[in-house]
Amino acid sequence: NIYGDRSQLVSECFSGGGDPREVLVVAMDLAKSEHTALFCRGDGEYLLSRPLRVFNSPEGVEYLIGKVESTRQSRGIAKERVLIGGEDPGQYTFNFIYQLGLRGFPFIRVNAAAASTLRNNTRASTDFLDLDGIGQAIVQQRGRTMDAFDRVYRPMKSAARARRRLVSQETACKNRIYRDVE
């Protein structure tokens, strides 16, 4: 894929033939204890008037999957064309995301800065507006799957942090030497 901020899985889901209205996007705002989720079609049309509250627990996973399945079946959307995504997840959500993946729903990671620029209102911030930005980012195919994030970006991030620490230590050592020489 030549676009660095796009997932091949998301591109295939949207270009897999058919109408973008046959794609179900589940935008999630992740939190420690309670997430919010909003369903929309691939063209950006919202399917719910209010966001769902989903607990960060096994029961919450079952609840969300039940809602996704009922929405998917009532709209005639194939399971392969369901995308669940949210902003950069914290470690406290990894079990939740892992359980979604085991059930056949890959999680799409959206850059928080990109999501905030894509929402319809940039002056205020509510759950609905945050979910709007996340949904728009997924609809515009700006996101990566979590496995790509783990394989590529985590090692790069730790290497950059290690280099930053080494440069800081080197600078401190040089400053001590210069101070002692003077």
C-alpha atoms as a PDB file:
ATOM      1  CA  ASN A   1       0.000   0.000   0.000  1.00  0.00           C
ATOM      2  CA  ILE A   2       1.533   3.325  -1.046  1.00  0.00           C
ATOM      3  CA  TYR A   3      -0.449   5.328   1.534  1.00  0.00           C
ATOM      4  CA  GLY A   4       1.386   5.227   4.850  1.00  0.00           C
ATOM      5  CA  ASP A   5      -1.639   6.028   7.005  1.00  0.00           C
ATOM      6  CA  ARG A   6      -3.974   3.524   5.352  1.00  0.00           C
ATOM      7  CA  SER A   7      -4.586  -0.143   5.901  1.00  0.00           C
ATOM      8  CA  GLN A   8      -4.805  -2.577   3.057  1.00  0.00           C
ATOM      9  CA  LEU A   9      -7.594  -4.380   4.927  1.00  0.00           C
ATOM     10  CA  VAL A  10      -9.671  -1.193   5.098  1.00  0.00           C
ATOM     11  CA  SER A  11      -9.019  -0.427   1.422  1.00  0.00           C
ATOM     12  CA  GLU A  12     -10.075  -3.941   0.430  1.00  0.00           C
ATOM     13  CA  CYS A  13     -13.212  -3.675   2.540  1.00  0.00           C
ATOM     14  CA  PHE A  14     -14.288  -0.493   0.749  1.00  0.00           C
ATOM     15  CA  SER A  15     -13.160  -1.547  -2.718  1.00  0.00           C
ATOM     16  CA  GLY A  16     -14.392  -5.146  -2.425  1.00  0.00           C
ATOM     17  CA  GLY A  17     -17.133  -4.531  -4.927  1.00  0.00           C
ATOM     18  CA  GLY A  18     -20.490  -3.060  -4.198  1.00  0.00           C
ATOM     19  CA  ASP A  19     -21.708   0.077  -2.598  1.00  0.00           C
ATOM     20  CA  PRO A  20     -19.899   1.801   0.307  1.00  0.00           C
ATOM     21  CA  ARG A  21     -23.304   1.714   2.016  1.00  0.00           C
ATOM     22  CA  GLU A  22     -22.697  -2.033   2.368  1.00  0.00           C
ATOM     23  CA  VAL A  23     -19.830  -1.356   4.808  1.00  0.00           C
ATOM     24  CA  LEU A  24     -20.590  -1.098   8.523  1.00  0.00           C
ATOM     25  CA  VAL A  25     -18.223   1.175  10.448  1.00  0.00           C
ATOM     26  CA  VAL A  26     -18.245   0.987  14.243  1.00  0.00           C
ATOM     27  CA  ALA A  27     -16.423   4.016  15.661  1.00  0.00           C
ATOM     28  CA  MET A  28     -15.334   3.532  19.276  1.00  0.00           C
ATOM     29  CA  ASP A  29     -14.092   5.986  21.852  1.00  0.00           C
ATOM     30  CA  LEU A  30     -12.116   3.771  24.228  1.00  0.00           C
ATOM     31  CA  ALA A  31     -11.876   4.347  27.978  1.00  0.00           C
ATOM     32  CA  LYS A  32     -10.769   2.396  31.030  1.00  0.00           C
ATOM     33  CA  SER A  33     -14.162   1.231  32.201  1.00  0.00           C
ATOM     34  CA  GLU A  34     -16.783   2.289  29.654  1.00  0.00           C
ATOM     35  CA  HIS A  35     -16.424   2.771  25.897  1.00  0.00           C
ATOM     36  CA  THR A  36     -18.813   4.532  23.543  1.00  0.00           C
ATOM     37  CA  ALA A  37     -19.630   3.219  20.085  1.00  0.00           C
ATOM     38  CA  LEU A  38     -21.440   4.671  17.098  1.00  0.00           C
ATOM     39  CA  PHE A  39     -22.498   2.765  13.973  1.00  0.00           C
ATOM     40  CA  CYS A  40     -22.421   4.270  10.510  1.00  0.00           C
ATOM     41  CA  ARG A  41     -22.378   3.081   6.917  1.00  0.00           C
ATOM     42  CA  GLY A  42     -19.387   3.348   4.623  1.00  0.00           C
ATOM     43  CA  ASP A  43     -20.776   6.558   3.137  1.00  0.00           C
ATOM     44  CA  GLY A  44     -20.891   8.236   6.571  1.00  0.00           C
ATOM     45  CA  GLU A  45     -24.644   7.881   7.278  1.00  0.00           C
ATOM     46  CA  TYR A  46     -25.262   7.274  10.990  1.00  0.00           C
ATOM     47  CA  LEU A  47     -27.340   4.258  11.923  1.00  0.00           C
ATOM     48  CA  LEU A  48     -27.859   5.198  15.586  1.00  0.00           C
ATOM     49  CA  SER A  49     -29.218   8.430  16.988  1.00  0.00           C
ATOM     50  CA  ARG A  50     -27.114   8.129  20.171  1.00  0.00           C
ATOM     51  CA  PRO A  51     -23.824   6.392  20.925  1.00  0.00           C
ATOM     52  CA  LEU A  52     -23.933   3.022  22.701  1.00  0.00           C
ATOM     53  CA  ARG A  53     -22.301   2.593  26.108  1.00  0.00           C
ATOM     54  CA  VAL A  54     -20.136  -0.541  26.166  1.00  0.00           C
ATOM     55  CA  PHE A  55     -18.320  -1.795  29.260  1.00  0.00           C
ATOM     56  CA  ASN A  56     -14.663  -2.820  29.041  1.00  0.00           C
ATOM     57  CA  SER A  57     -15.426  -6.405  30.068  1.00  0.00           C
ATOM     58  CA  PRO A  58     -16.268  -9.787  28.502  1.00  0.00           C
ATOM     59  CA  GLU A  59     -19.959  -8.875  28.855  1.00  0.00           C
ATOM     60  CA  GLY A  60     -19.261  -5.634  26.998  1.00  0.00           C
ATOM     61  CA  VAL A  61     -17.631  -7.547  24.144  1.00  0.00           C
ATOM     62  CA  GLU A  62     -20.699  -9.820  23.927  1.00  0.00           C
ATOM     63  CA  TYR A  63     -23.034  -6.813  24.023  1.00  0.00           C
ATOM     64  CA  LEU A  64     -21.147  -4.990  21.261  1.00  0.00           C
ATOM     65  CA  ILE A  65     -20.920  -8.072  19.045  1.00  0.00           C
ATOM     66  CA  GLY A  66     -24.637  -8.703  19.543  1.00  0.00           C
ATOM     67  CA  LYS A  67     -25.443  -5.147  18.444  1.00  0.00           C
ATOM     68  CA  VAL A  68     -23.044  -5.393  15.477  1.00  0.00           C
ATOM     69  CA  GLU A  69     -24.532  -8.721  14.376  1.00  0.00           C
ATOM     70  CA  SER A  70     -28.144  -7.524  14.615  1.00  0.00           C
ATOM     71  CA  THR A  71     -27.333  -4.302  12.742  1.00  0.00           C
ATOM     72  CA  ARG A  72     -25.302  -6.159  10.143  1.00  0.00           C
ATOM     73  CA  GLN A  73     -27.992  -8.764   9.497  1.00  0.00           C
ATOM     74  CA  SER A  74     -30.866  -6.263   9.388  1.00  0.00           C
ATOM     75  CA  ARG A  75     -28.994  -4.173   6.797  1.00  0.00           C
ATOM     76  CA  GLY A  76     -27.718  -7.156   4.750  1.00  0.00           C
ATOM     77  CA  ILE A  77     -24.014  -6.367   5.339  1.00  0.00           C
ATOM     78  CA  ALA A  78     -21.453  -9.171   5.094  1.00  0.00           C
ATOM     79  CA  LYS A  79     -19.322  -9.851   8.174  1.00  0.00           C
ATOM     80  CA  GLU A  80     -16.145  -9.229   6.154  1.00  0.00           C
ATOM     81  CA  ARG A  81     -17.334  -5.673   5.538  1.00  0.00           C
ATOM     82  CA  VAL A  82     -17.544  -4.666   9.202  1.00  0.00           C
ATOM     83  CA  LEU A  83     -14.819  -2.355  10.507  1.00  0.00           C
ATOM     84  CA  ILE A  84     -14.435  -1.560  14.199  1.00  0.00           C
ATOM     85  CA  GLY A  85     -11.992   1.191  15.033  1.00  0.00           C
ATOM     86  CA  GLY A  86     -10.928   3.827  17.482  1.00  0.00           C
ATOM     87  CA  GLU A  87      -8.144   6.186  18.459  1.00  0.00           C
ATOM     88  CA  ASP A  88      -4.814   4.855  19.699  1.00  0.00           C
ATOM     89  CA  PRO A  89      -5.842   2.321  22.356  1.00  0.00           C
ATOM     90  CA  GLY A  90      -4.361   2.141  25.822  1.00  0.00           C
ATOM     91  CA  GLN A  91      -3.158  -1.096  27.327  1.00  0.00           C
ATOM     92  CA  TYR A  92      -6.320  -1.368  29.396  1.00  0.00           C
ATOM     93  CA  THR A  93      -8.289  -2.023  26.167  1.00  0.00           C
ATOM     94  CA  PHE A  94      -6.046  -4.699  24.650  1.00  0.00           C
ATOM     95  CA  ASN A  95      -8.110  -7.620  26.034  1.00  0.00           C
ATOM     96  CA  PHE A  96     -11.285  -6.061  24.637  1.00  0.00           C
ATOM     97  CA  ILE A  97      -9.686  -5.550  21.222  1.00  0.00           C
ATOM     98  CA  TYR A  98      -8.159  -9.032  21.263  1.00  0.00           C
ATOM     99  CA  GLN A  99     -11.576 -10.584  21.931  1.00  0.00           C
ATOM    100  CA  LEU A 100     -13.044  -8.651  18.987  1.00  0.00           C
ATOM    101  CA  GLY A 101     -10.254  -9.999  16.782  1.00  0.00           C
ATOM    102  CA  LEU A 102     -10.919 -13.560  17.905  1.00  0.00           C
ATOM    103  CA  ARG A 103     -14.538 -13.146  16.836  1.00  0.00           C
ATOM    104  CA  GLY A 104     -13.499 -12.019  13.340  1.00  0.00           C
ATOM    105  CA  PHE A 105     -13.675  -8.250  13.781  1.00  0.00           C
ATOM    106  CA  PRO A 106     -10.269  -6.632  13.259  1.00  0.00           C
ATOM    107  CA  PHE A 107      -9.650  -3.378  15.110  1.00  0.00           C
ATOM    108  CA  ILE A 108      -8.604  -0.331  13.094  1.00  0.00           C
ATOM    109  CA  ARG A 109      -6.329   2.152  14.894  1.00  0.00           C
ATOM    110  CA  VAL A 110      -6.976   5.771  13.927  1.00  0.00           C
ATOM    111  CA  ASN A 111      -4.551   8.607  14.615  1.00  0.00           C
ATOM    112  CA  ALA A 112      -6.145  10.911  17.196  1.00  0.00           C
ATOM    113  CA  ALA A 113      -4.862  14.074  15.506  1.00  0.00           C
ATOM    114  CA  ALA A 114      -6.291  13.003  12.142  1.00  0.00           C
ATOM    115  CA  ALA A 115      -9.625  12.106  13.733  1.00  0.00           C
ATOM    116  CA  SER A 116      -9.930  15.497  15.427  1.00  0.00           C
ATOM    117  CA  THR A 117      -9.452  17.327  12.114  1.00  0.00           C
ATOM    118  CA  LEU A 118     -12.084  15.218  10.353  1.00  0.00           C
ATOM    119  CA  ARG A 119     -14.994  15.710  12.714  1.00  0.00           C
ATOM    120  CA  ASN A 120     -17.816  18.057  11.754  1.00  0.00           C
ATOM    121  CA  ASN A 121     -17.296  20.488  14.662  1.00  0.00           C
ATOM    122  CA  THR A 122     -13.739  21.279  15.745  1.00  0.00           C
ATOM    123  CA  ARG A 123     -14.611  23.860  18.422  1.00  0.00           C
ATOM    124  CA  ALA A 124     -16.388  21.622  20.913  1.00  0.00           C
ATOM    125  CA  SER A 125     -15.676  18.102  22.115  1.00  0.00           C
ATOM    126  CA  THR A 126     -18.343  15.604  23.072  1.00  0.00           C
ATOM    127  CA  ASP A 127     -18.521  11.833  22.798  1.00  0.00           C
ATOM    128  CA  PHE A 128     -20.625  12.159  19.657  1.00  0.00           C
ATOM    129  CA  LEU A 129     -18.208  14.594  18.001  1.00  0.00           C
ATOM    130  CA  ASP A 130     -15.197  12.439  18.907  1.00  0.00           C
ATOM    131  CA  LEU A 131     -16.952   9.396  17.459  1.00  0.00           C
ATOM    132  CA  ASP A 132     -17.822  11.442  14.380  1.00  0.00           C
ATOM    133  CA  GLY A 133     -14.134  12.152  13.754  1.00  0.00           C
ATOM    134  CA  ILE A 134     -13.157   8.519  14.281  1.00  0.00           C
ATOM    135  CA  GLY A 135     -15.942   7.347  11.968  1.00  0.00           C
ATOM    136  CA  GLN A 136     -14.977   9.870   9.293  1.00  0.00           C
ATOM    137  CA  ALA A 137     -11.346   8.771   9.505  1.00  0.00           C
ATOM    138  CA  ILE A 138     -12.324   5.142   8.947  1.00  0.00           C
ATOM    139  CA  VAL A 139     -14.735   6.068   6.134  1.00  0.00           C
ATOM    140  CA  GLN A 140     -11.910   8.012   4.479  1.00  0.00           C
ATOM    141  CA  GLN A 141      -9.739   4.901   4.941  1.00  0.00           C
ATOM    142  CA  ARG A 142      -7.252   6.530   7.314  1.00  0.00           C
ATOM    143  CA  GLY A 143      -6.313   3.878   9.781  1.00  0.00           C
ATOM    144  CA  ARG A 144      -4.190   0.800  10.350  1.00  0.00           C
ATOM    145  CA  THR A 145      -4.917  -2.597  11.773  1.00  0.00           C
ATOM    146  CA  MET A 146      -3.491  -3.300  15.200  1.00  0.00           C
ATOM    147  CA  ASP A 147      -1.210  -6.088  13.954  1.00  0.00           C
ATOM    148  CA  ALA A 148       0.575  -3.653  11.639  1.00  0.00           C
ATOM    149  CA  PHE A 149       0.938  -1.273  14.561  1.00  0.00           C
ATOM    150  CA  ASP A 150       2.479  -3.975  16.740  1.00  0.00           C
ATOM    151  CA  ARG A 151       4.879  -5.272  14.086  1.00  0.00           C
ATOM    152  CA  VAL A 152       6.214  -2.007  12.726  1.00  0.00           C
ATOM    153  CA  TYR A 153       5.559   0.964  14.972  1.00  0.00           C
ATOM    154  CA  ARG A 154       6.204  -0.389  18.433  1.00  0.00           C
ATOM    155  CA  PRO A 155       9.849  -1.297  17.646  1.00  0.00           C
ATOM    156  CA  MET A 156      10.326   2.050  15.883  1.00  0.00           C
ATOM    157  CA  LYS A 157       8.898   3.932  18.842  1.00  0.00           C
ATOM    158  CA  SER A 158      11.109   2.120  21.352  1.00  0.00           C
ATOM    159  CA  ALA A 159      14.181   2.665  19.139  1.00  0.00           C
ATOM    160  CA  ALA A 160      13.420   6.395  18.915  1.00  0.00           C
ATOM    161  CA  ARG A 161      12.969   6.603  22.678  1.00  0.00           C
ATOM    162  CA  ALA A 162      16.241   4.733  23.284  1.00  0.00           C
ATOM    163  CA  ARG A 163      18.068   7.106  20.929  1.00  0.00           C
ATOM    164  CA  ARG A 164      16.554  10.113  22.695  1.00  0.00           C
ATOM    165  CA  ARG A 165      17.783   8.799  26.069  1.00  0.00           C
ATOM    166  CA  LEU A 166      21.274   8.130  24.679  1.00  0.00           C
ATOM    167  CA  VAL A 167      21.519  11.621  23.178  1.00  0.00           C
ATOM    168  CA  SER A 168      20.421  13.088  26.510  1.00  0.00           C
ATOM    169  CA  GLN A 169      23.006  11.032  28.403  1.00  0.00           C
ATOM    170  CA  GLU A 170      25.724  11.967  25.893  1.00  0.00           C
ATOM    171  CA  THR A 171      24.894  15.658  26.248  1.00  0.00           C
ATOM    172  CA  ALA A 172      24.969  15.412  30.042  1.00  0.00           C
ATOM    173  CA  CYS A 173      28.369  13.667  29.895  1.00  0.00           C
ATOM    174  CA  LYS A 174      29.801  16.314  27.537  1.00  0.00           C
ATOM    175  CA  ASN A 175      28.517  19.085  29.804  1.00  0.00           C
ATOM    176  CA  ARG A 176      30.221  17.486  32.820  1.00  0.00           C
ATOM    177  CA  ILE A 177      33.511  17.165  30.916  1.00  0.00           C
ATOM    178  CA  TYR A 178      33.373  20.816  29.726  1.00  0.00           C
ATOM    179  CA  ARG A 179      32.519  21.966  33.256  1.00  0.00           C
ATOM    180  CA  ASP A 180      35.455  20.018  34.783  1.00  0.00           C
ATOM    181  CA  VAL A 181      37.912  21.221  32.115  1.00  0.00           C
ATOM    182  CA  GLU A 182      37.073  24.874  32.706  1.00  0.00           C
END
